[in-house]
Amino acid sequence: MTRRGTFVYYLAAVVVGGLFLVIPYYFYFLQQDLLMREHLFREFFVMYFYFELMGFFALLCFAFLIRRLTQAFRWARLWQWCFLAVPVFLIVVLVLGTLGNFVDRHTQSRGWLAAFILLGGPSLSLKEPLWLVVLPGIALAAVLQRIHRAYEPQQKSS
């Protein structure tokens, strides 16, 4: 554990971010009748596992970028993090998803597993409506801002 809470920050980005992402997709797939109605809880946990597996790289990229951008802009308030989360998360999903689709088209069975794990989540997200990633990005930014603020160096009062 570091003094700046880096481990907690990035672990929360992956674990909580995966949970926040699976919720809208779960209800969207449920509404589209793509899930079996008799195994709803099992389907949720299976989806969560796959979202963690295929989305961890995008979530880490998002967490890194939003932390660096808010430090560069000297933004510390919650609404500023949430405001910045929308374009940053959309850009991460679009760039990594496009890269994943490009790699998928141009590789013939070489490195497909690494590309699938690193870029599979964003490339599959491009096949569904992009509004599904906006609210999870905002919610994740709120959690990350609280963690970032909790581990900030405290001012010594004299």
Protein backbone atom coordinates (compact mmCIF):
# COMPACT_ATOMS: atom_id res chain seq x y z
CA MET A 1 0.00 0.00 0.00
CA THR A 2 1.36 3.40 -0.89
CA ARG A 3 0.80 6.67 0.88
CA ARG A 4 -1.13 8.01 -2.10
CA GLY A 5 -3.55 5.09 -2.20
CA THR A 6 -2.56 4.03 -5.70
CA PHE A 7 -3.28 0.35 -5.13
CA VAL A 8 -6.71 1.07 -3.63
CA TYR A 9 -7.49 3.57 -6.39
CA TYR A 10 -6.76 1.21 -9.28
CA LEU A 11 -8.23 -1.84 -7.55
CA ALA A 12 -11.46 0.07 -7.00
CA ALA A 13 -11.38 1.17 -10.63
CA VAL A 14 -11.40 -2.45 -11.76
CA VAL A 15 -13.70 -4.02 -9.18
CA VAL A 16 -16.25 -1.24 -8.74
CA GLY A 17 -16.00 -0.16 -12.37
CA GLY A 18 -16.80 -3.68 -13.54
CA LEU A 19 -19.82 -3.76 -11.25
CA PHE A 20 -21.03 -0.36 -12.44
CA LEU A 21 -20.61 -1.45 -16.06
CA VAL A 22 -22.40 -4.77 -15.74
CA ILE A 23 -25.58 -3.27 -14.24
CA PRO A 24 -26.82 -1.27 -17.29
CA TYR A 25 -25.74 -3.98 -19.71
CA TYR A 26 -27.52 -6.60 -17.61
CA PHE A 27 -30.80 -4.70 -17.67
CA TYR A 28 -30.36 -3.85 -21.35
CA PHE A 29 -29.81 -7.52 -22.26
CA LEU A 30 -32.71 -8.49 -20.00
CA GLN A 31 -34.97 -6.03 -21.80
CA GLN A 32 -33.77 -7.38 -25.17
CA ASP A 33 -34.57 -10.96 -24.04
CA LEU A 34 -30.96 -12.06 -24.43
CA LEU A 35 -30.76 -13.62 -20.96
CA MET A 36 -32.42 -16.73 -19.62
CA ARG A 37 -35.16 -15.67 -17.21
CA GLU A 38 -34.83 -18.73 -14.98
CA HIS A 39 -31.14 -18.06 -14.16
CA LEU A 40 -31.02 -14.31 -13.59
CA PHE A 41 -28.59 -14.27 -10.66
CA ARG A 42 -26.25 -16.72 -12.31
CA GLU A 43 -26.31 -14.66 -15.52
CA PHE A 44 -25.47 -11.52 -13.55
CA PHE A 45 -22.42 -13.07 -11.93
CA VAL A 46 -21.23 -14.64 -15.16
CA MET A 47 -21.56 -11.28 -16.89
CA TYR A 48 -19.66 -9.63 -14.03
CA PHE A 49 -16.83 -12.15 -14.39
CA TYR A 50 -16.54 -11.51 -18.13
CA PHE A 51 -16.76 -7.76 -17.65
CA GLU A 52 -13.89 -7.97 -15.17
CA LEU A 53 -11.86 -10.15 -17.51
CA MET A 54 -12.38 -8.13 -20.67
CA GLY A 55 -12.80 -4.66 -19.20
CA PHE A 56 -9.96 -4.33 -16.73
CA PHE A 57 -7.56 -2.70 -19.20
CA ALA A 58 -10.11 -0.07 -20.28
CA LEU A 59 -11.01 0.64 -16.66
CA LEU A 60 -7.35 1.06 -15.73
CA CYS A 61 -6.81 3.40 -18.68
CA PHE A 62 -9.85 5.43 -17.65
CA ALA A 63 -8.71 5.65 -14.03
CA PHE A 64 -5.21 6.71 -15.05
CA LEU A 65 -6.42 9.33 -17.52
CA ILE A 66 -9.03 10.88 -15.28
CA ARG A 67 -6.60 11.15 -12.37
CA ARG A 68 -3.92 12.77 -14.52
CA LEU A 69 -6.33 15.14 -16.26
CA THR A 70 -7.94 16.34 -13.05
CA GLN A 71 -4.50 16.95 -11.57
CA ALA A 72 -3.44 18.85 -14.70
CA PHE A 73 -6.59 21.00 -14.59
CA ARG A 74 -6.29 21.29 -10.78
CA TRP A 75 -9.84 20.01 -10.40
CA ALA A 76 -10.75 18.53 -7.03
CA ARG A 77 -14.53 18.78 -6.79
CA LEU A 78 -16.82 15.83 -7.38
CA TRP A 79 -18.84 17.47 -10.16
CA GLN A 80 -15.64 18.26 -12.06
CA TRP A 81 -14.57 14.61 -11.99
CA CYS A 82 -18.04 13.50 -13.09
CA PHE A 83 -18.12 16.12 -15.84
CA LEU A 84 -14.76 14.95 -17.16
CA ALA A 85 -15.74 11.28 -16.90
CA VAL A 86 -18.18 11.37 -19.81
CA PRO A 87 -15.78 12.35 -22.61
CA VAL A 88 -12.82 10.47 -21.15
CA PHE A 89 -14.72 7.19 -20.77
CA LEU A 90 -16.27 7.51 -24.23
CA ILE A 91 -12.87 8.22 -25.77
CA VAL A 92 -11.30 5.24 -23.98
CA VAL A 93 -14.08 2.93 -25.17
CA LEU A 94 -14.00 4.28 -28.74
CA VAL A 95 -10.21 4.16 -29.10
CA LEU A 96 -9.70 0.76 -27.49
CA GLY A 97 -12.79 -0.66 -29.21
CA THR A 98 -11.67 0.54 -32.62
CA LEU A 99 -8.18 -0.79 -31.96
CA GLY A 100 -9.68 -4.12 -30.85
CA ASN A 101 -11.78 -4.38 -34.01
CA PHE A 102 -8.72 -3.52 -36.13
CA VAL A 103 -6.58 -6.16 -34.40
CA ASP A 104 -9.39 -8.69 -34.73
CA ARG A 105 -9.65 -8.13 -38.48
CA HIS A 106 -5.90 -8.17 -39.16
CA THR A 107 -4.63 -11.05 -37.04
CA GLN A 108 -5.11 -14.64 -38.06
CA SER A 109 -4.94 -16.61 -34.79
CA ARG A 110 -1.78 -14.82 -33.61
CA GLY A 111 -2.13 -13.07 -30.29
CA TRP A 112 -5.90 -13.33 -30.33
CA LEU A 113 -6.12 -14.18 -26.62
CA ALA A 114 -4.10 -11.15 -25.50
CA ALA A 115 -6.06 -8.89 -27.84
CA PHE A 116 -9.34 -10.38 -26.64
CA ILE A 117 -8.49 -9.87 -22.98
CA LEU A 118 -7.07 -6.36 -23.40
CA LEU A 119 -9.42 -5.01 -26.05
CA GLY A 120 -12.40 -7.39 -26.05
CA GLY A 121 -14.62 -5.42 -23.69
CA PRO A 122 -14.41 -2.08 -25.51
CA SER A 123 -14.73 -3.70 -28.95
CA LEU A 124 -17.87 -5.55 -27.83
CA SER A 125 -19.18 -2.31 -26.28
CA LEU A 126 -19.11 -0.69 -29.71
CA LYS A 127 -21.71 -3.20 -30.88
CA GLU A 128 -24.21 -1.97 -28.26
CA PRO A 129 -25.52 1.58 -27.65
CA LEU A 130 -22.79 3.85 -26.27
CA TRP A 131 -25.11 5.41 -23.70
CA LEU A 132 -24.67 2.23 -21.68
CA VAL A 133 -21.15 3.32 -20.69
CA VAL A 134 -21.93 6.93 -19.77
CA LEU A 135 -23.61 6.45 -16.37
CA PRO A 136 -21.13 3.81 -15.17
CA GLY A 137 -18.31 6.18 -16.11
CA ILE A 138 -19.85 8.97 -14.06
CA ALA A 139 -20.47 6.70 -11.07
CA LEU A 140 -16.94 5.30 -11.25
CA ALA A 141 -15.48 8.81 -11.43
CA ALA A 142 -17.39 9.71 -8.26
CA VAL A 143 -15.96 6.71 -6.41
CA LEU A 144 -12.45 7.37 -7.71
CA GLN A 145 -12.64 11.02 -6.70
CA ARG A 146 -13.58 10.03 -3.14
CA ILE A 147 -10.67 7.59 -2.97
CA HIS A 148 -8.27 10.13 -4.45
CA ARG A 149 -9.37 12.76 -1.93
CA ALA A 150 -9.11 10.33 0.98
CA TYR A 151 -5.44 9.67 0.25
CA GLU A 152 -4.38 13.24 -0.46
CA PRO A 153 -1.61 14.59 1.74
CA GLN A 154 -3.12 16.46 4.67
CA GLN A 155 -2.15 20.07 5.29
CA LYS A 156 -0.32 20.49 8.58
CA SER A 157 -1.98 23.10 10.73
CA SER A 158 0.32 25.19 12.89
